[in-house]
Amino acid sequence: MKNEMVPKSQESKRTRCMVYTRVMGYHRPVESFNIGKKQEHKDRMYFKEHFCNESTV
C-alpha cells in the first residue's frame, strides 16, 4: 500500500476508517496496538492462495 499526500483543501472531506485485524481469534483495531505490534502488522506479508485443478492432482 502506498502512502499518498492529500492536499490540505481536501483533508477535511476525508473519513477516518478503522482497520481491524485478527489476533488470536479476536478482531481488534490496529490503532489500539502498541508500537511493536503496529510494526509487526506493517511488516506482515500477504499472499493469495491459488486453487489447483482436481484433474491435475
PDB file of N, CA and C in Angstrom:
ATOM      1  N   MET A   1       0.846  -1.175   0.000  1.00  0.00           N
ATOM      2  CA  MET A   1       0.000   0.000   0.000  1.00  0.00           C
ATOM      3  C   MET A   1       0.888   1.234   0.000  1.00  0.00           C
ATOM      4  N   LYS A   2       0.526   2.193  -0.788  1.00  0.00           N
ATOM      5  CA  LYS A   2       1.347   3.387  -0.946  1.00  0.00           C
ATOM      6  C   LYS A   2       0.716   4.552  -0.173  1.00  0.00           C
ATOM      7  N   ASN A   3       1.537   5.283   0.561  1.00  0.00           N
ATOM      8  CA  ASN A   3       1.046   6.477   1.248  1.00  0.00           C
ATOM      9  C   ASN A   3       1.028   7.626   0.257  1.00  0.00           C
ATOM     10  N   GLU A   4      -0.119   8.247   0.093  1.00  0.00           N
ATOM     11  CA  GLU A   4      -0.243   9.359  -0.832  1.00  0.00           C
ATOM     12  C   GLU A   4      -0.565  10.621  -0.050  1.00  0.00           C
ATOM     13  N   MET A   5       0.003  11.721  -0.509  1.00  0.00           N
ATOM     14  CA  MET A   5      -0.246  13.001   0.142  1.00  0.00           C
ATOM     15  C   MET A   5      -1.605  13.531  -0.302  1.00  0.00           C
ATOM     16  N   VAL A   6      -2.379  14.021   0.660  1.00  0.00           N
ATOM     17  CA  VAL A   6      -3.690  14.595   0.372  1.00  0.00           C
ATOM     18  C   VAL A   6      -3.580  16.102   0.535  1.00  0.00           C
ATOM     19  N   PRO A   7      -4.027  16.851  -0.466  1.00  0.00           N
ATOM     20  CA  PRO A   7      -3.978  18.312  -0.336  1.00  0.00           C
ATOM     21  C   PRO A   7      -4.790  18.769   0.882  1.00  0.00           C
ATOM     22  N   LYS A   8      -4.299  19.787   1.573  1.00  0.00           N
ATOM     23  CA  LYS A   8      -4.977  20.274   2.784  1.00  0.00           C
ATOM     24  C   LYS A   8      -6.399  20.709   2.509  1.00  0.00           C
ATOM     25  N   SER A   9      -6.686  21.194   1.284  1.00  0.00           N
ATOM     26  CA  SER A   9      -8.048  21.620   0.955  1.00  0.00           C
ATOM     27  C   SER A   9      -9.022  20.445   0.954  1.00  0.00           C
ATOM     28  N   GLN A  10      -8.524  19.230   0.728  1.00  0.00           N
ATOM     29  CA  GLN A  10      -9.401  18.058   0.690  1.00  0.00           C
ATOM     30  C   GLN A  10      -9.326  17.228   1.963  1.00  0.00           C
ATOM     31  N   GLU A  11      -8.432  17.587   2.860  1.00  0.00           N
ATOM     32  CA  GLU A  11      -8.248  16.820   4.087  1.00  0.00           C
ATOM     33  C   GLU A  11      -9.506  16.770   4.940  1.00  0.00           C
ATOM     34  N   SER A  12     -10.275  17.848   4.978  1.00  0.00           N
ATOM     35  CA  SER A  12     -11.477  17.886   5.799  1.00  0.00           C
ATOM     36  C   SER A  12     -12.588  17.005   5.239  1.00  0.00           C
ATOM     37  N   LYS A  13     -12.496  16.619   3.978  1.00  0.00           N
ATOM     38  CA  LYS A  13     -13.516  15.788   3.342  1.00  0.00           C
ATOM     39  C   LYS A  13     -13.269  14.297   3.562  1.00  0.00           C
ATOM     40  N   ARG A  14     -12.130  13.952   4.087  1.00  0.00           N
ATOM     41  CA  ARG A  14     -11.788  12.540   4.289  1.00  0.00           C
ATOM     42  C   ARG A  14     -12.499  11.980   5.507  1.00  0.00           C
ATOM     43  N   THR A  15     -12.813  10.707   5.453  1.00  0.00           N
ATOM     44  CA  THR A  15     -13.430   9.995   6.569  1.00  0.00           C
ATOM     45  C   THR A  15     -12.408   9.021   7.131  1.00  0.00           C
ATOM     46  N   ARG A  16     -12.176   9.081   8.414  1.00  0.00           N
ATOM     47  CA  ARG A  16     -11.223   8.180   9.057  1.00  0.00           C
ATOM     48  C   ARG A  16     -11.844   6.795   9.159  1.00  0.00           C
ATOM     49  N   CYS A  17     -11.107   5.784   8.770  1.00  0.00           N
ATOM     50  CA  CYS A  17     -11.618   4.420   8.879  1.00  0.00           C
ATOM     51  C   CYS A  17     -10.766   3.650   9.879  1.00  0.00           C
ATOM     52  N   MET A  18     -11.386   2.678  10.518  1.00  0.00           N
ATOM     53  CA  MET A  18     -10.676   1.848  11.476  1.00  0.00           C
ATOM     54  C   MET A  18     -10.315   0.536  10.801  1.00  0.00           C
ATOM     55  N   VAL A  19      -9.063   0.116  10.950  1.00  0.00           N
ATOM     56  CA  VAL A  19      -8.591  -1.132  10.386  1.00  0.00           C
ATOM     57  C   VAL A  19      -8.553  -2.160  11.501  1.00  0.00           C
ATOM     58  N   TYR A  20      -9.207  -3.292  11.263  1.00  0.00           N
ATOM     59  CA  TYR A  20      -9.221  -4.374  12.236  1.00  0.00           C
ATOM     60  C   TYR A  20      -8.383  -5.522  11.703  1.00  0.00           C
ATOM     61  N   THR A  21      -7.784  -6.274  12.609  1.00  0.00           N
ATOM     62  CA  THR A  21      -7.050  -7.467  12.226  1.00  0.00           C
ATOM     63  C   THR A  21      -7.372  -8.555  13.240  1.00  0.00           C
ATOM     64  N   ARG A  22      -7.183  -9.776  12.829  1.00  0.00           N
ATOM     65  CA  ARG A  22      -7.497 -10.909  13.693  1.00  0.00           C
ATOM     66  C   ARG A  22      -6.247 -11.291  14.473  1.00  0.00           C
ATOM     67  N   VAL A  23      -6.358 -11.280  15.788  1.00  0.00           N
ATOM     68  CA  VAL A  23      -5.249 -11.636  16.668  1.00  0.00           C
ATOM     69  C   VAL A  23      -5.746 -12.693  17.643  1.00  0.00           C
ATOM     70  N   MET A  24      -5.152 -13.860  17.577  1.00  0.00           N
ATOM     71  CA  MET A  24      -5.503 -14.960  18.488  1.00  0.00           C
ATOM     72  C   MET A  24      -7.007 -15.213  18.527  1.00  0.00           C
ATOM     73  N   GLY A  25      -7.656 -15.182  17.382  1.00  0.00           N
ATOM     74  CA  GLY A  25      -9.073 -15.493  17.303  1.00  0.00           C
ATOM     75  C   GLY A  25      -9.995 -14.316  17.559  1.00  0.00           C
ATOM     76  N   TYR A  26      -9.464 -13.169  17.888  1.00  0.00           N
ATOM     77  CA  TYR A  26     -10.271 -11.983  18.160  1.00  0.00           C
ATOM     78  C   TYR A  26      -9.975 -10.910  17.114  1.00  0.00           C
ATOM     79  N   HIS A  27     -10.965 -10.116  16.776  1.00  0.00           N
ATOM     80  CA  HIS A  27     -10.756  -8.985  15.873  1.00  0.00           C
ATOM     81  C   HIS A  27     -10.512  -7.745  16.727  1.00  0.00           C
ATOM     82  N   ARG A  28      -9.388  -7.075  16.469  1.00  0.00           N
ATOM     83  CA  ARG A  28      -9.017  -5.904  17.256  1.00  0.00           C
ATOM     84  C   ARG A  28      -8.611  -4.774  16.328  1.00  0.00           C
ATOM     85  N   PRO A  29      -8.902  -3.525  16.716  1.00  0.00           N
ATOM     86  CA  PRO A  29      -8.470  -2.392  15.890  1.00  0.00           C
ATOM     87  C   PRO A  29      -6.957  -2.208  15.983  1.00  0.00           C
ATOM     88  N   VAL A  30      -6.331  -1.979  14.837  1.00  0.00           N
ATOM     89  CA  VAL A  30      -4.881  -1.822  14.781  1.00  0.00           C
ATOM     90  C   VAL A  30      -4.428  -0.600  15.573  1.00  0.00           C
ATOM     91  N   GLU A  31      -5.250   0.442  15.620  1.00  0.00           N
ATOM     92  CA  GLU A  31      -4.834   1.661  16.328  1.00  0.00           C
ATOM     93  C   GLU A  31      -4.665   1.440  17.835  1.00  0.00           C
ATOM     94  N   SER A  32      -5.216   0.339  18.374  1.00  0.00           N
ATOM     95  CA  SER A  32      -5.058   0.071  19.805  1.00  0.00           C
ATOM     96  C   SER A  32      -3.784  -0.722  20.113  1.00  0.00           C
ATOM     97  N   PHE A  33      -3.029  -1.112  19.072  1.00  0.00           N
ATOM     98  CA  PHE A  33      -1.791  -1.865  19.271  1.00  0.00           C
ATOM     99  C   PHE A  33      -0.692  -0.984  19.835  1.00  0.00           C
ATOM    100  N   ASN A  34       0.265  -1.619  20.536  1.00  0.00           N
ATOM    101  CA  ASN A  34       1.444  -0.886  20.981  1.00  0.00           C
ATOM    102  C   ASN A  34       2.408  -0.718  19.795  1.00  0.00           C
ATOM    103  N   ILE A  35       3.489  -0.002  19.966  1.00  0.00           N
ATOM    104  CA  ILE A  35       4.413   0.324  18.874  1.00  0.00           C
ATOM    105  C   ILE A  35       4.964  -0.941  18.208  1.00  0.00           C
ATOM    106  N   GLY A  36       5.354  -1.908  19.002  1.00  0.00           N
ATOM    107  CA  GLY A  36       5.927  -3.143  18.455  1.00  0.00           C
ATOM    108  C   GLY A  36       4.932  -3.933  17.636  1.00  0.00           C
ATOM    109  N   LYS A  37       3.705  -4.049  18.120  1.00  0.00           N
ATOM    110  CA  LYS A  37       2.667  -4.794  17.412  1.00  0.00           C
ATOM    111  C   LYS A  37       2.255  -4.073  16.129  1.00  0.00           C
ATOM    112  N   LYS A  38       2.243  -2.726  16.144  1.00  0.00           N
ATOM    113  CA  LYS A  38       1.937  -1.970  14.925  1.00  0.00           C
ATOM    114  C   LYS A  38       2.990  -2.235  13.855  1.00  0.00           C
ATOM    115  N   GLN A  39       4.271  -2.281  14.245  1.00  0.00           N
ATOM    116  CA  GLN A  39       5.340  -2.552  13.280  1.00  0.00           C
ATOM    117  C   GLN A  39       5.221  -3.981  12.759  1.00  0.00           C
ATOM    118  N   GLU A  40       4.891  -4.921  13.644  1.00  0.00           N
ATOM    119  CA  GLU A  40       4.710  -6.316  13.227  1.00  0.00           C
ATOM    120  C   GLU A  40       3.577  -6.419  12.198  1.00  0.00           C
ATOM    121  N   HIS A  41       2.482  -5.703  12.429  1.00  0.00           N
ATOM    122  CA  HIS A  41       1.356  -5.703  11.496  1.00  0.00           C
ATOM    123  C   HIS A  41       1.774  -5.103  10.152  1.00  0.00           C
ATOM    124  N   LYS A  42       2.570  -4.045  10.193  1.00  0.00           N
ATOM    125  CA  LYS A  42       3.046  -3.388   8.971  1.00  0.00           C
ATOM    126  C   LYS A  42       3.977  -4.298   8.174  1.00  0.00           C
ATOM    127  N   ASP A  43       4.764  -5.116   8.850  1.00  0.00           N
ATOM    128  CA  ASP A  43       5.747  -5.983   8.199  1.00  0.00           C
ATOM    129  C   ASP A  43       5.156  -7.293   7.676  1.00  0.00           C
ATOM    130  N   ARG A  44       3.906  -7.576   7.968  1.00  0.00           N
ATOM    131  CA  ARG A  44       3.300  -8.839   7.539  1.00  0.00           C
ATOM    132  C   ARG A  44       3.323  -8.973   6.026  1.00  0.00           C
ATOM    133  N   MET A  45       3.521 -10.199   5.579  1.00  0.00           N
ATOM    134  CA  MET A  45       3.490 -10.495   4.153  1.00  0.00           C
ATOM    135  C   MET A  45       2.149 -11.156   3.849  1.00  0.00           C
ATOM    136  N   TYR A  46       1.487 -10.663   2.832  1.00  0.00           N
ATOM    137  CA  TYR A  46       0.193 -11.213   2.434  1.00  0.00           C
ATOM    138  C   TYR A  46       0.383 -12.042   1.181  1.00  0.00           C
ATOM    139  N   PHE A  47      -0.418 -13.059   1.029  1.00  0.00           N
ATOM    140  CA  PHE A  47      -0.315 -13.909  -0.136  1.00  0.00           C
ATOM    141  C   PHE A  47      -1.715 -14.275  -0.618  1.00  0.00           C
ATOM    142  N   LYS A  48      -1.773 -14.697  -1.882  1.00  0.00           N
ATOM    143  CA  LYS A  48      -3.020 -15.183  -2.446  1.00  0.00           C
ATOM    144  C   LYS A  48      -2.898 -16.686  -2.605  1.00  0.00           C
ATOM    145  N   GLU A  49      -3.908 -17.386  -2.166  1.00  0.00           N
ATOM    146  CA  GLU A  49      -3.909 -18.834  -2.302  1.00  0.00           C
ATOM    147  C   GLU A  49      -4.489 -19.189  -3.667  1.00  0.00           C
ATOM    148  N   HIS A  50      -3.765 -19.987  -4.420  1.00  0.00           N
ATOM    149  CA  HIS A  50      -4.212 -20.413  -5.729  1.00  0.00           C
ATOM    150  C   HIS A  50      -4.795 -21.819  -5.624  1.00  0.00           C
ATOM    151  N   PHE A  51      -5.917 -22.022  -6.249  1.00  0.00           N
ATOM    152  CA  PHE A  51      -6.561 -23.322  -6.243  1.00  0.00           C
ATOM    153  C   PHE A  51      -6.021 -24.157  -7.398  1.00  0.00           C
ATOM    154  N   CYS A  52      -5.864 -25.428  -7.161  1.00  0.00           N
ATOM    155  CA  CYS A  52      -5.385 -26.300  -8.220  1.00  0.00           C
ATOM    156  C   CYS A  52      -6.565 -27.088  -8.797  1.00  0.00           C
ATOM    157  N   ASN A  53      -6.424 -27.536 -10.027  1.00  0.00           N
ATOM    158  CA  ASN A  53      -7.450 -28.372 -10.645  1.00  0.00           C
ATOM    159  C   ASN A  53      -7.383 -29.768 -10.045  1.00  0.00           C
ATOM    160  N   GLU A  54      -8.517 -30.337  -9.761  1.00  0.00           N
ATOM    161  CA  GLU A  54      -8.518 -31.697  -9.220  1.00  0.00           C
ATOM    162  C   GLU A  54      -8.026 -32.685 -10.249  1.00  0.00           C
ATOM    163  N   SER A  55      -8.176 -32.364 -11.536  1.00  0.00           N
ATOM    164  CA  SER A  55      -7.743 -33.288 -12.597  1.00  0.00           C
ATOM    165  C   SER A  55      -6.229 -33.390 -12.675  1.00  0.00           C
ATOM    166  N   THR A  56      -5.501 -32.387 -12.160  1.00  0.00           N
ATOM    167  CA  THR A  56      -4.043 -32.406 -12.206  1.00  0.00           C
ATOM    168  C   THR A  56      -3.439 -33.012 -10.951  1.00  0.00           C
ATOM    169  N   VAL A  57      -4.251 -33.310  -9.966  1.00  0.00           N
ATOM    170  CA  VAL A  57      -3.737 -33.839  -8.696  1.00  0.00           C
ATOM    171  C   VAL A  57      -3.556 -35.321  -8.773  1.00  0.00           C
TER     172      VAL A  57
END
